[in-house]
Amino acid sequence: MMLEKTYPVTHSDGEWRRLLTPEQYYVMRAHGTEAPGSCALLAEKRHGRFTCAGCDTALFETKLKFESGTGWPSFNDPIEGSVETTVDRGHGMIRTEVHCATCGSHLGHVFPDGPPPTHQRYCINGIAMNFTPDPA
């Protein structure tokens, strides 16, 4: 269930369905999860930015991406102000959900088991992001 909050970028359910692929809609609007290892962004190592597939907000930078072994792109920290978190009590667990601060789309979860210096692991569905490499 999406938060009862008005975001800077909003669309009706029908508009989201037209803007996103069915797989993106499932993850970003219905709080689904992509299969581990299924997204090309998992192996992306070029310098650049990962942006929200729903609104193009810059979310993460490559310099804070790391290989977690989980099958999803993982980051130490988001770009300041780009994401918000809520408590997710689904699937018989209590987790911290990460969503885009601009459009409210579900991105993934954050866990306190990442590497230093933050010890955070933002485990993000690759299908919820686009990647833009830095200019050469």
N, C-alpha and C. Protein backbone atom coordinates (compact mmCIF):
# COMPACT_ATOMS: atom_id res chain seq x y z
N MET A 1 0.85 -1.18 0.00
CA MET A 1 0.00 0.00 0.00
C MET A 1 0.89 1.24 0.00
N MET A 2 0.63 2.14 -0.92
CA MET A 2 1.43 3.37 -0.99
C MET A 2 1.06 4.28 0.18
N LEU A 3 2.00 5.09 0.57
CA LEU A 3 1.76 6.04 1.64
C LEU A 3 0.68 7.03 1.24
N GLU A 4 -0.08 7.50 2.22
CA GLU A 4 -1.09 8.52 1.97
C GLU A 4 -0.40 9.88 2.05
N LYS A 5 0.40 10.17 1.07
CA LYS A 5 1.19 11.39 1.02
C LYS A 5 1.15 11.90 -0.41
N THR A 6 1.16 13.20 -0.57
CA THR A 6 1.24 13.77 -1.90
C THR A 6 2.70 14.01 -2.24
N TYR A 7 3.13 13.45 -3.35
CA TYR A 7 4.51 13.58 -3.80
C TYR A 7 4.59 14.63 -4.89
N PRO A 8 5.77 15.23 -5.10
CA PRO A 8 5.93 16.22 -6.16
C PRO A 8 5.53 15.68 -7.55
N VAL A 9 5.79 14.39 -7.80
CA VAL A 9 5.37 13.76 -9.05
C VAL A 9 4.28 12.74 -8.71
N THR A 10 3.10 12.95 -9.26
CA THR A 10 1.99 12.03 -9.01
C THR A 10 1.34 11.65 -10.34
N HIS A 11 0.78 10.46 -10.36
CA HIS A 11 0.05 9.96 -11.53
C HIS A 11 -1.09 9.08 -11.03
N SER A 12 -2.12 8.95 -11.83
CA SER A 12 -3.19 8.01 -11.52
C SER A 12 -2.64 6.60 -11.73
N ASP A 13 -3.34 5.62 -11.23
CA ASP A 13 -2.91 4.23 -11.43
C ASP A 13 -2.82 3.91 -12.92
N GLY A 14 -3.77 4.34 -13.70
CA GLY A 14 -3.74 4.11 -15.14
C GLY A 14 -2.55 4.75 -15.81
N GLU A 15 -2.19 5.97 -15.37
CA GLU A 15 -1.02 6.65 -15.93
C GLU A 15 0.26 5.89 -15.58
N TRP A 16 0.37 5.41 -14.31
CA TRP A 16 1.55 4.62 -13.93
C TRP A 16 1.64 3.38 -14.80
N ARG A 17 0.51 2.73 -15.06
CA ARG A 17 0.52 1.52 -15.88
C ARG A 17 0.97 1.81 -17.31
N ARG A 18 0.69 2.99 -17.81
CA ARG A 18 1.14 3.37 -19.15
C ARG A 18 2.61 3.79 -19.16
N LEU A 19 3.07 4.42 -18.10
CA LEU A 19 4.45 4.92 -18.03
C LEU A 19 5.48 3.82 -17.75
N LEU A 20 5.09 2.81 -17.01
CA LEU A 20 6.02 1.76 -16.58
C LEU A 20 5.73 0.46 -17.33
N THR A 21 6.76 -0.37 -17.46
CA THR A 21 6.53 -1.71 -18.00
C THR A 21 5.74 -2.50 -16.95
N PRO A 22 5.11 -3.61 -17.33
CA PRO A 22 4.40 -4.42 -16.31
C PRO A 22 5.32 -4.85 -15.17
N GLU A 23 6.57 -5.18 -15.47
CA GLU A 23 7.51 -5.59 -14.44
C GLU A 23 7.85 -4.43 -13.51
N GLN A 24 8.07 -3.24 -14.09
CA GLN A 24 8.33 -2.05 -13.27
C GLN A 24 7.13 -1.72 -12.40
N TYR A 25 5.94 -1.79 -12.96
CA TYR A 25 4.72 -1.50 -12.18
C TYR A 25 4.63 -2.45 -10.99
N TYR A 26 4.88 -3.72 -11.22
CA TYR A 26 4.80 -4.73 -10.16
C TYR A 26 5.74 -4.37 -9.00
N VAL A 27 6.97 -3.99 -9.32
CA VAL A 27 7.95 -3.66 -8.29
C VAL A 27 7.67 -2.29 -7.67
N MET A 28 7.50 -1.27 -8.52
CA MET A 28 7.46 0.10 -8.04
C MET A 28 6.12 0.55 -7.46
N ARG A 29 5.04 0.01 -7.97
CA ARG A 29 3.73 0.46 -7.51
C ARG A 29 3.00 -0.60 -6.67
N ALA A 30 3.34 -1.89 -6.88
CA ALA A 30 2.69 -2.96 -6.13
C ALA A 30 3.64 -3.60 -5.11
N HIS A 31 4.79 -2.98 -4.90
CA HIS A 31 5.76 -3.40 -3.88
C HIS A 31 6.29 -4.81 -4.11
N GLY A 32 6.43 -5.19 -5.36
CA GLY A 32 7.00 -6.50 -5.69
C GLY A 32 8.52 -6.47 -5.60
N THR A 33 9.11 -7.60 -5.97
CA THR A 33 10.57 -7.73 -5.99
C THR A 33 10.95 -8.47 -7.26
N GLU A 34 11.97 -7.96 -7.94
CA GLU A 34 12.47 -8.66 -9.13
C GLU A 34 13.26 -9.88 -8.69
N ALA A 35 13.41 -10.84 -9.58
CA ALA A 35 14.21 -12.03 -9.28
C ALA A 35 15.66 -11.63 -9.07
N PRO A 36 16.34 -12.20 -8.08
CA PRO A 36 17.75 -11.87 -7.86
C PRO A 36 18.58 -12.21 -9.09
N GLY A 37 19.53 -11.33 -9.39
CA GLY A 37 20.42 -11.54 -10.51
C GLY A 37 19.82 -11.29 -11.88
N SER A 38 18.59 -10.75 -11.92
CA SER A 38 17.88 -10.61 -13.20
C SER A 38 18.09 -9.28 -13.90
N CYS A 39 18.71 -8.32 -13.25
CA CYS A 39 18.83 -6.98 -13.84
C CYS A 39 20.26 -6.67 -14.27
N ALA A 40 20.38 -6.08 -15.46
CA ALA A 40 21.69 -5.70 -15.98
C ALA A 40 22.39 -4.68 -15.09
N LEU A 41 21.65 -3.86 -14.35
CA LEU A 41 22.27 -2.84 -13.51
C LEU A 41 23.07 -3.44 -12.35
N LEU A 42 22.86 -4.72 -12.07
CA LEU A 42 23.61 -5.38 -11.02
C LEU A 42 25.12 -5.33 -11.33
N ALA A 43 25.47 -5.46 -12.61
CA ALA A 43 26.88 -5.49 -13.01
C ALA A 43 27.41 -4.13 -13.45
N GLU A 44 26.58 -3.08 -13.37
CA GLU A 44 27.01 -1.75 -13.83
C GLU A 44 28.10 -1.19 -12.93
N LYS A 45 29.26 -0.88 -13.53
CA LYS A 45 30.38 -0.36 -12.76
C LYS A 45 30.91 0.97 -13.28
N ARG A 46 30.34 1.47 -14.39
CA ARG A 46 30.80 2.76 -14.91
C ARG A 46 30.43 3.86 -13.93
N HIS A 47 31.18 4.95 -13.96
CA HIS A 47 30.85 6.11 -13.12
C HIS A 47 29.57 6.74 -13.65
N GLY A 48 28.67 7.06 -12.75
CA GLY A 48 27.42 7.68 -13.17
C GLY A 48 26.40 7.68 -12.06
N ARG A 49 25.14 7.90 -12.46
CA ARG A 49 24.04 7.99 -11.50
C ARG A 49 22.93 7.04 -11.86
N PHE A 50 22.33 6.50 -10.82
CA PHE A 50 21.15 5.66 -10.96
C PHE A 50 19.95 6.53 -10.62
N THR A 51 18.97 6.56 -11.49
CA THR A 51 17.80 7.42 -11.31
C THR A 51 16.54 6.59 -11.21
N CYS A 52 15.50 7.17 -10.63
CA CYS A 52 14.21 6.52 -10.49
C CYS A 52 13.58 6.32 -11.87
N ALA A 53 13.17 5.10 -12.17
CA ALA A 53 12.53 4.81 -13.45
C ALA A 53 11.15 5.45 -13.56
N GLY A 54 10.60 5.89 -12.44
CA GLY A 54 9.28 6.50 -12.45
C GLY A 54 9.28 8.00 -12.66
N CYS A 55 10.37 8.68 -12.23
CA CYS A 55 10.36 10.15 -12.31
C CYS A 55 11.72 10.75 -12.64
N ASP A 56 12.74 9.94 -12.81
CA ASP A 56 14.09 10.37 -13.19
C ASP A 56 14.84 11.10 -12.09
N THR A 57 14.40 11.00 -10.85
CA THR A 57 15.14 11.60 -9.73
C THR A 57 16.45 10.84 -9.53
N ALA A 58 17.56 11.55 -9.39
CA ALA A 58 18.85 10.91 -9.10
C ALA A 58 18.81 10.31 -7.71
N LEU A 59 19.08 9.00 -7.61
CA LEU A 59 18.97 8.26 -6.35
C LEU A 59 20.31 7.85 -5.75
N PHE A 60 21.17 7.26 -6.59
CA PHE A 60 22.43 6.69 -6.11
C PHE A 60 23.54 6.99 -7.11
N GLU A 61 24.78 7.03 -6.61
CA GLU A 61 25.95 7.20 -7.47
C GLU A 61 26.77 5.92 -7.46
N THR A 62 27.42 5.63 -8.57
CA THR A 62 28.22 4.42 -8.69
C THR A 62 29.28 4.31 -7.61
N LYS A 63 29.86 5.44 -7.20
CA LYS A 63 30.95 5.40 -6.21
C LYS A 63 30.50 4.81 -4.88
N LEU A 64 29.19 4.75 -4.61
CA LEU A 64 28.70 4.17 -3.36
C LEU A 64 28.02 2.82 -3.58
N LYS A 65 28.23 2.23 -4.76
CA LYS A 65 27.67 0.91 -5.09
C LYS A 65 28.70 -0.14 -4.71
N PHE A 66 28.23 -1.30 -4.22
CA PHE A 66 29.14 -2.40 -3.89
C PHE A 66 28.47 -3.72 -4.20
N GLU A 67 29.28 -4.76 -4.30
CA GLU A 67 28.78 -6.10 -4.57
C GLU A 67 28.43 -6.76 -3.24
N SER A 68 27.15 -7.00 -3.02
CA SER A 68 26.70 -7.58 -1.75
C SER A 68 26.53 -9.09 -1.82
N GLY A 69 26.51 -9.64 -3.04
CA GLY A 69 26.28 -11.07 -3.19
C GLY A 69 24.82 -11.47 -3.07
N THR A 70 23.93 -10.49 -3.00
CA THR A 70 22.51 -10.78 -2.82
C THR A 70 21.75 -10.96 -4.13
N GLY A 71 22.31 -10.44 -5.24
CA GLY A 71 21.62 -10.50 -6.52
C GLY A 71 20.89 -9.23 -6.88
N TRP A 72 20.99 -8.21 -6.04
CA TRP A 72 20.40 -6.90 -6.31
C TRP A 72 21.47 -5.83 -6.18
N PRO A 73 21.36 -4.74 -6.96
CA PRO A 73 22.30 -3.63 -6.78
C PRO A 73 22.25 -3.13 -5.34
N SER A 74 23.42 -2.92 -4.74
CA SER A 74 23.50 -2.47 -3.35
C SER A 74 24.37 -1.23 -3.25
N PHE A 75 23.96 -0.34 -2.35
CA PHE A 75 24.62 0.95 -2.19
C PHE A 75 24.80 1.26 -0.71
N ASN A 76 25.88 2.02 -0.38
CA ASN A 76 26.10 2.47 1.00
C ASN A 76 25.08 3.52 1.42
N ASP A 77 24.84 4.47 0.53
CA ASP A 77 23.98 5.61 0.86
C ASP A 77 23.35 6.15 -0.41
N PRO A 78 22.14 6.71 -0.28
CA PRO A 78 21.52 7.39 -1.42
C PRO A 78 22.03 8.83 -1.53
N ILE A 79 21.71 9.46 -2.64
CA ILE A 79 21.96 10.90 -2.77
C ILE A 79 21.05 11.59 -1.77
N GLU A 80 21.58 12.53 -1.03
CA GLU A 80 20.84 13.18 0.05
C GLU A 80 19.48 13.69 -0.42
N GLY A 81 18.43 13.32 0.34
CA GLY A 81 17.07 13.78 0.07
C GLY A 81 16.34 13.04 -1.03
N SER A 82 16.98 12.03 -1.65
CA SER A 82 16.36 11.36 -2.79
C SER A 82 15.41 10.23 -2.42
N VAL A 83 15.59 9.64 -1.24
CA VAL A 83 14.74 8.53 -0.83
C VAL A 83 14.16 8.79 0.56
N GLU A 84 13.08 8.08 0.83
CA GLU A 84 12.47 8.08 2.16
C GLU A 84 12.28 6.63 2.56
N THR A 85 12.06 6.39 3.83
CA THR A 85 11.86 5.02 4.31
C THR A 85 10.58 4.92 5.12
N THR A 86 10.03 3.71 5.13
CA THR A 86 8.88 3.38 5.95
C THR A 86 9.09 1.98 6.50
N VAL A 87 8.31 1.61 7.50
CA VAL A 87 8.37 0.26 8.04
C VAL A 87 7.52 -0.65 7.16
N ASP A 88 8.10 -1.76 6.74
CA ASP A 88 7.43 -2.76 5.91
C ASP A 88 7.22 -4.00 6.78
N ARG A 89 5.97 -4.35 7.05
CA ARG A 89 5.65 -5.50 7.89
C ARG A 89 5.15 -6.70 7.06
N GLY A 90 5.41 -6.66 5.75
CA GLY A 90 4.96 -7.73 4.86
C GLY A 90 5.82 -8.97 4.96
N HIS A 91 5.31 -10.07 4.46
CA HIS A 91 6.04 -11.34 4.36
C HIS A 91 6.51 -11.86 5.72
N GLY A 92 5.80 -11.53 6.79
CA GLY A 92 6.12 -12.04 8.12
C GLY A 92 7.41 -11.49 8.70
N MET A 93 7.87 -10.33 8.18
CA MET A 93 9.12 -9.73 8.66
C MET A 93 8.88 -8.25 8.92
N ILE A 94 9.80 -7.65 9.65
CA ILE A 94 9.80 -6.19 9.79
C ILE A 94 11.07 -5.71 9.11
N ARG A 95 10.89 -4.93 8.04
CA ARG A 95 12.03 -4.41 7.28
C ARG A 95 11.82 -2.91 7.06
N THR A 96 12.87 -2.24 6.61
CA THR A 96 12.77 -0.83 6.29
C THR A 96 12.71 -0.69 4.77
N GLU A 97 11.54 -0.26 4.28
CA GLU A 97 11.33 -0.07 2.85
C GLU A 97 11.93 1.26 2.41
N VAL A 98 12.48 1.27 1.21
CA VAL A 98 13.02 2.48 0.60
C VAL A 98 12.13 2.85 -0.58
N HIS A 99 11.71 4.11 -0.62
CA HIS A 99 10.92 4.58 -1.76
C HIS A 99 11.44 5.95 -2.22
N CYS A 100 11.13 6.27 -3.46
CA CYS A 100 11.57 7.54 -4.05
C CYS A 100 10.87 8.69 -3.34
N ALA A 101 11.63 9.68 -2.93
CA ALA A 101 11.06 10.84 -2.24
C ALA A 101 10.28 11.75 -3.18
N THR A 102 10.47 11.59 -4.49
CA THR A 102 9.80 12.46 -5.46
C THR A 102 8.47 11.89 -5.95
N CYS A 103 8.42 10.56 -6.19
CA CYS A 103 7.17 9.98 -6.72
C CYS A 103 6.58 8.89 -5.83
N GLY A 104 7.28 8.50 -4.78
CA GLY A 104 6.75 7.50 -3.85
C GLY A 104 6.90 6.07 -4.30
N SER A 105 7.54 5.83 -5.43
CA SER A 105 7.68 4.46 -5.94
C SER A 105 8.58 3.61 -5.04
N HIS A 106 8.16 2.37 -4.85
CA HIS A 106 8.93 1.39 -4.08
C HIS A 106 10.21 1.06 -4.84
N LEU A 107 11.35 1.12 -4.13
CA LEU A 107 12.65 0.83 -4.74
C LEU A 107 13.27 -0.45 -4.20
N GLY A 108 13.11 -0.71 -2.91
CA GLY A 108 13.73 -1.87 -2.29
C GLY A 108 13.71 -1.71 -0.78
N HIS A 109 14.79 -2.18 -0.12
CA HIS A 109 14.88 -2.11 1.34
C HIS A 109 16.29 -1.73 1.74
N VAL A 110 16.43 -1.25 2.98
CA VAL A 110 17.75 -0.94 3.52
C VAL A 110 17.96 -1.80 4.77
N PHE A 111 19.19 -2.34 4.88
CA PHE A 111 19.54 -3.22 5.98
C PHE A 111 20.82 -2.70 6.65
N PRO A 112 20.99 -2.98 7.96
CA PRO A 112 22.16 -2.47 8.69
C PRO A 112 23.36 -3.41 8.62
N ASP A 113 23.56 -4.10 7.47
CA ASP A 113 24.65 -5.07 7.38
C ASP A 113 25.62 -4.77 6.23
N GLY A 114 25.69 -3.50 5.85
CA GLY A 114 26.58 -3.10 4.76
C GLY A 114 27.99 -2.85 5.26
N PRO A 115 28.90 -2.56 4.34
CA PRO A 115 30.29 -2.31 4.70
C PRO A 115 30.48 -0.91 5.30
N PRO A 116 31.62 -0.67 5.94
CA PRO A 116 31.94 0.68 6.40
C PRO A 116 32.01 1.63 5.21
N PRO A 117 31.84 2.89 5.36
CA PRO A 117 31.71 3.58 6.64
C PRO A 117 30.28 3.65 7.16
N THR A 118 29.26 3.43 6.33
CA THR A 118 27.88 3.62 6.78
C THR A 118 27.27 2.38 7.40
N HIS A 119 27.78 1.21 7.04
CA HIS A 119 27.22 -0.08 7.47
C HIS A 119 25.78 -0.27 7.01
N GLN A 120 25.37 0.50 5.99
CA GLN A 120 24.04 0.38 5.42
C GLN A 120 24.14 -0.37 4.09
N ARG A 121 23.10 -1.16 3.79
CA ARG A 121 23.00 -1.84 2.50
C ARG A 121 21.65 -1.50 1.91
N TYR A 122 21.65 -0.52 1.02
CA TYR A 122 20.43 -0.17 0.29
C TYR A 122 20.33 -1.19 -0.83
N CYS A 123 19.45 -2.16 -0.66
CA CYS A 123 19.26 -3.26 -1.59
C CYS A 123 18.10 -2.87 -2.51
N ILE A 124 18.43 -2.51 -3.75
CA ILE A 124 17.47 -1.84 -4.63
C ILE A 124 17.16 -2.69 -5.85
N ASN A 125 15.90 -2.78 -6.20
CA ASN A 125 15.48 -3.47 -7.42
C ASN A 125 16.02 -2.70 -8.62
N GLY A 126 16.85 -3.36 -9.42
CA GLY A 126 17.44 -2.70 -10.57
C GLY A 126 16.40 -2.21 -11.57
N ILE A 127 15.30 -2.93 -11.69
CA ILE A 127 14.25 -2.56 -12.64
C ILE A 127 13.59 -1.23 -12.27
N ALA A 128 13.76 -0.80 -11.03
CA ALA A 128 13.18 0.47 -10.57
C ALA A 128 14.06 1.66 -10.90
N MET A 129 15.23 1.39 -11.53
CA MET A 129 16.18 2.46 -11.81
C MET A 129 16.60 2.47 -13.27
N ASN A 130 17.07 3.62 -13.70
CA ASN A 130 17.78 3.79 -14.96
C ASN A 130 19.19 4.23 -14.61
N PHE A 131 20.13 4.05 -15.54
CA PHE A 131 21.50 4.45 -15.28
C PHE A 131 21.95 5.43 -16.34
N THR A 132 22.60 6.51 -15.91
CA THR A 132 23.18 7.49 -16.82
C THR A 132 24.66 7.60 -16.51
N PRO A 133 25.53 7.18 -17.45
CA PRO A 133 26.97 7.29 -17.19
C PRO A 133 27.42 8.74 -17.20
N ASP A 134 28.46 9.02 -16.44
CA ASP A 134 29.06 10.34 -16.46
C ASP A 134 29.63 10.60 -17.86
N PRO A 135 29.64 11.86 -18.31
CA PRO A 135 30.25 12.17 -19.61
C PRO A 135 31.74 11.79 -19.59
N ALA A 136 32.23 11.29 -20.69
CA ALA A 136 33.64 10.84 -20.77
C ALA A 136 34.60 12.01 -20.74
